[in-house]
Amino acid sequence: MLPCERVDLGFIETAPYRFRNSVELAITPEQLFEVLADPQSWPSGRR
């Protein structure tokens, strides 16, 4: 594993690689945060 370097939030503007993603969800913000607050509802990735 490569060593990690501690950085501050300013690194976000100067990082050599930046990835952005967006998605439209047909749910309310409250419904989204309800799912995020419940780890049991997250996909396991072991299918």
N, C-alpha and C. Protein backbone atom coordinates (compact mmCIF):
# COMPACT_ATOMS: atom_id res chain seq x y z
N MET A 1 0.85 -1.18 0.00
CA MET A 1 0.00 0.00 0.00
C MET A 1 0.89 1.24 0.00
N LEU A 2 0.54 2.21 -0.80
CA LEU A 2 1.31 3.44 -0.87
C LEU A 2 1.09 4.29 0.37
N PRO A 3 2.09 5.04 0.79
CA PRO A 3 1.91 5.91 1.96
C PRO A 3 0.93 7.04 1.64
N CYS A 4 0.20 7.47 2.65
CA CYS A 4 -0.76 8.56 2.49
C CYS A 4 -0.17 9.84 3.05
N GLU A 5 -0.60 10.95 2.51
CA GLU A 5 -0.14 12.25 2.96
C GLU A 5 -1.33 13.02 3.51
N ARG A 6 -1.19 13.56 4.71
CA ARG A 6 -2.28 14.34 5.31
C ARG A 6 -2.36 15.69 4.60
N VAL A 7 -3.58 16.10 4.22
CA VAL A 7 -3.79 17.36 3.51
C VAL A 7 -4.95 18.11 4.13
N ASP A 8 -5.07 19.39 3.81
CA ASP A 8 -6.22 20.16 4.28
C ASP A 8 -7.23 20.31 3.14
N LEU A 9 -8.33 21.00 3.41
CA LEU A 9 -9.39 21.11 2.40
C LEU A 9 -8.95 21.88 1.15
N GLY A 10 -7.90 22.67 1.25
CA GLY A 10 -7.40 23.38 0.09
C GLY A 10 -6.93 22.44 -1.01
N PHE A 11 -6.58 21.22 -0.64
CA PHE A 11 -6.13 20.22 -1.61
C PHE A 11 -7.20 19.93 -2.65
N ILE A 12 -8.45 20.10 -2.28
CA ILE A 12 -9.55 19.83 -3.22
C ILE A 12 -9.40 20.67 -4.48
N GLU A 13 -8.89 21.88 -4.35
CA GLU A 13 -8.73 22.77 -5.50
C GLU A 13 -7.49 22.47 -6.32
N THR A 14 -6.50 21.79 -5.75
CA THR A 14 -5.24 21.56 -6.45
C THR A 14 -4.93 20.09 -6.72
N ALA A 15 -5.83 19.21 -6.33
CA ALA A 15 -5.60 17.77 -6.51
C ALA A 15 -5.38 17.46 -7.99
N PRO A 16 -4.42 16.59 -8.30
CA PRO A 16 -4.16 16.27 -9.70
C PRO A 16 -5.30 15.50 -10.37
N TYR A 17 -6.09 14.81 -9.59
CA TYR A 17 -7.24 14.07 -10.13
C TYR A 17 -8.47 14.45 -9.33
N ARG A 18 -9.52 14.86 -10.03
CA ARG A 18 -10.78 15.19 -9.37
C ARG A 18 -11.91 14.54 -10.16
N PHE A 19 -12.80 13.89 -9.46
CA PHE A 19 -13.92 13.21 -10.09
C PHE A 19 -15.21 13.79 -9.53
N ARG A 20 -16.16 14.04 -10.40
CA ARG A 20 -17.47 14.54 -9.99
C ARG A 20 -18.54 13.60 -10.53
N ASN A 21 -19.60 13.49 -9.77
CA ASN A 21 -20.70 12.65 -10.18
C ASN A 21 -21.98 13.26 -9.62
N SER A 22 -23.05 13.17 -10.35
CA SER A 22 -24.34 13.62 -9.84
C SER A 22 -25.40 12.64 -10.29
N VAL A 23 -26.47 12.63 -9.54
CA VAL A 23 -27.57 11.73 -9.83
C VAL A 23 -28.87 12.38 -9.36
N GLU A 24 -29.92 12.19 -10.10
CA GLU A 24 -31.24 12.68 -9.71
C GLU A 24 -31.97 11.55 -8.98
N LEU A 25 -32.43 11.82 -7.79
CA LEU A 25 -33.16 10.82 -7.00
C LEU A 25 -34.61 11.26 -6.85
N ALA A 26 -35.51 10.33 -6.99
CA ALA A 26 -36.94 10.62 -6.85
C ALA A 26 -37.37 10.44 -5.40
N ILE A 27 -36.60 11.03 -4.48
CA ILE A 27 -36.93 10.97 -3.06
C ILE A 27 -36.64 12.33 -2.44
N THR A 28 -37.16 12.54 -1.25
CA THR A 28 -36.91 13.80 -0.55
C THR A 28 -35.55 13.74 0.15
N PRO A 29 -34.97 14.88 0.48
CA PRO A 29 -33.72 14.86 1.24
C PRO A 29 -33.86 14.08 2.55
N GLU A 30 -35.01 14.19 3.19
CA GLU A 30 -35.23 13.46 4.44
C GLU A 30 -35.15 11.95 4.22
N GLN A 31 -35.74 11.47 3.13
CA GLN A 31 -35.69 10.04 2.82
C GLN A 31 -34.26 9.60 2.54
N LEU A 32 -33.51 10.42 1.83
CA LEU A 32 -32.12 10.09 1.54
C LEU A 32 -31.31 9.96 2.83
N PHE A 33 -31.42 10.93 3.72
CA PHE A 33 -30.64 10.88 4.94
C PHE A 33 -31.10 9.77 5.87
N GLU A 34 -32.35 9.37 5.77
CA GLU A 34 -32.83 8.21 6.53
C GLU A 34 -32.08 6.95 6.09
N VAL A 35 -31.90 6.79 4.79
CA VAL A 35 -31.16 5.65 4.26
C VAL A 35 -29.68 5.74 4.64
N LEU A 36 -29.08 6.92 4.49
CA LEU A 36 -27.66 7.08 4.83
C LEU A 36 -27.39 6.84 6.31
N ALA A 37 -28.35 7.14 7.16
CA ALA A 37 -28.18 6.95 8.60
C ALA A 37 -28.33 5.50 9.02
N ASP A 38 -28.77 4.62 8.12
CA ASP A 38 -29.00 3.21 8.44
C ASP A 38 -28.05 2.33 7.64
N PRO A 39 -26.89 1.96 8.21
CA PRO A 39 -25.92 1.14 7.48
C PRO A 39 -26.49 -0.20 6.99
N GLN A 40 -27.51 -0.71 7.63
CA GLN A 40 -28.11 -1.98 7.20
C GLN A 40 -28.78 -1.84 5.83
N SER A 41 -29.12 -0.61 5.44
CA SER A 41 -29.78 -0.41 4.14
C SER A 41 -28.78 -0.20 3.01
N TRP A 42 -27.50 -0.09 3.32
CA TRP A 42 -26.47 0.13 2.29
C TRP A 42 -26.23 -1.16 1.52
N PRO A 43 -25.91 -1.06 0.23
CA PRO A 43 -25.55 -2.27 -0.54
C PRO A 43 -24.30 -2.91 0.05
N SER A 44 -24.27 -4.22 0.10
CA SER A 44 -23.13 -4.91 0.72
C SER A 44 -21.98 -5.10 -0.25
N GLY A 45 -22.25 -5.16 -1.55
CA GLY A 45 -21.19 -5.39 -2.53
C GLY A 45 -20.72 -6.83 -2.57
N ARG A 46 -21.41 -7.70 -1.85
CA ARG A 46 -21.02 -9.13 -1.82
C ARG A 46 -22.10 -9.98 -2.46
N ARG A 47 -22.57 -9.60 -3.60
CA ARG A 47 -23.65 -10.37 -4.24
C ARG A 47 -23.10 -11.38 -5.18
